[in-house]
Amino acid sequence: MKNKELKELKARNVLVEDVIKKIKIETDNINEKLEYSKKYKKIKACGTSEMRSDGKIYINKCNDKFCQICLTRERRKRFNKLKKIFEKSETKLEKGYVEAFLTLNFNYNSEDVKNMKLAEYLEYFQKMFKKFCEELKKIDCLGYIYKKEFPFIFSENKFNLHYHLWICIKKENLEKLQKKWHKITNGQGNLHIGNTKNENFGITQKFYECEENKRNISKRQVEKICNYLAKSYLSSAVKYDEKAENDNDKIGLVEDIKNKEVLEKMMKATHGQLENFKCLSASGIYNLTIYEKERKSEKSRMFEVFEYDPKILEEMKLPNADIFSDEKEKKLLLRFDVNNNTVEKIEKKFGGKAFVLKGKGKWSERLAAGNFKEVKRIGMKNIEKKPIKKKKTPVTTEKTTVETTFEIFGNIEEIKNKIVNLGDGAMTWATELVQVILPYTNIKQQSSDEDKQTIEKLEKRVKELEKETEKFKVAKTFSDEKQSEKSDFIVIQDENETIELEEYKMLSGGGYCYITKDKNKAYINTMFAKKYDKKSFRAERIEHYKNFEEFNKKYQLKKTF
């Protein structure tokens, strides 16, 4: 994703962030407040980069259903996957079959689903769809792609759940599908064939007849169909105000909604309802897994390997083959004298992703296209790599001169500053350093006056460093000691101030809160909102806390210790 586009999407995310902030402020449930607070922070950080502990730079992804950045990224992923599905499945088409676009819906006002939440409604619809798939297996269906969609009807606070299908079936069986779906849904569902709304998304006919290994649809039409199936599954179905023409009241896909009231209702209706949700799936000739299995089982004499690890060539016993390597591009060309190697076998041996090379002149063509170097030829023996014996460094008794500037250790002030800035880890390191260095200062050999003075300076410096680390140790353990002395309150640091907190259980709303002894401030534990267990505690101030009497009246506080 380019920087310009990322900036535009982050700007559009501001509306989503404002709605989340509003819901967080208005809710009385402490757990919901925490969830929306985390949701807000994740969306705010989405698209930014950070360096992790392994030294690599990662792009933050929140995967939120309303995040403009994640919606755009997921839509593109679905589009690319669908394009690949259409490309691969064309080789499996047969004469006498047709491809068609179907829409399966169900009456959302039915008594069967009237009071269901979204997650329950999805599960109910999926059970009916599974029965429909069992019927498809009985009537020569080669495969299908299905996409779940559920537009939000603002005026009724409901979802109009429906499935879109792209199906390949015997021509004479296509019309039978309507009766089958009507029967499965007990007359509450309808099945439409073709483009029912005359929208411009590539469907211009009721069905498309297939030829042997050929699809009678143009590439442009295929792209339009892929784009339609890849669109967001969540949308607003009815205008907030039918007469309004202002951009603020326009409806459509979730990423196009600009009305805060509509967004707020949709967020509340989908909250906790779409865990591990998957909107797109495929079966039969449209399932990419079958093509991956075919690729891995394919045999050949010649292979091209991408993204292999160059170190493997140094460590492994090379097979009897012509091997050429392009280390810069991480490409490998292999040519065996027999046709008994599979793609899967090559990938296990060399890593990376392997593809077969077939056709006259392909080997020479690939060699000429890259900067390949010969690693081995058929019949060439492997050169045995004998381990290199490390020479032992002789111990000398000669005098060595110690630099009086201590440059070997670095500037002592810089080390002290780093220890202060880096905290606990640095203090531990400094303590260990002192313990390791100190024994080396007890040299009981004859030396010059100059050497003795240098050693004395070194001992003095080491003791100074040890004293500094002792200060940090005291500071580190101060709060722990104070915590252990008393058990009726918790000690935390807030803005360089030591604060004593009392724990209360909130009988109304659930959870625990922590209030200062003077009753001026209140906090919550953000470590999974658990009761304090003397191990994990991260304090976050409760901003809406004004005074103890009002807060106690609202949440019915009960002191725990």
Foldseek 3Di string as FASTA:
>chain_A
DDPVVVVVLLVLCVLVLVLLVVVLVPDPFPVSVLVSVVLSVLLNQAQPWDQDPVRDIDGRHSCDLQRSVNQVVQLVVLLVLLLVLVVQLLQVDAAQKWKWKKKKFFACCDPVNPPPAPLVVVVVVVVLVVVLVVVQVVFAWQKKKKFWAWAQAVVVLGTGIMMMMTTIGRPVCPVVSQVSSCVSNVNGMGMDFFDPVPDPQLTPDSIFGGHNSHGPGDPVSSSSVSSVRSHRRYWHDDFPDPPDPDQQGDTTGSSSHNPSVSSSSVCVSCPPNQPVHDGIDMDHSSHCVVVVVVQQADWDQKKKFFPWDPVLLVVDQDDQWWWKADVVRRMIITGHPDTDDGQNNVCVSGNGGMGGDDDPPRVVVVPVVGDIDTDDHHPDHDDDDDDDDDDDDDDDPDDDDDDLVPVVVPDLVVLLVCPVVVAPVSLVVLQVVLVVVVVVLPDPDDDDPVRVVSSVVVNVSSVVSVVSSVVSVCVVCVLVVVCVVDPQWHWDADPNDIFTWFKKFQQASGAIKTATPVQQWIWAFSPVRHDDPVPGGDTDTDVVRGGDVVVCVSRVIDTDD
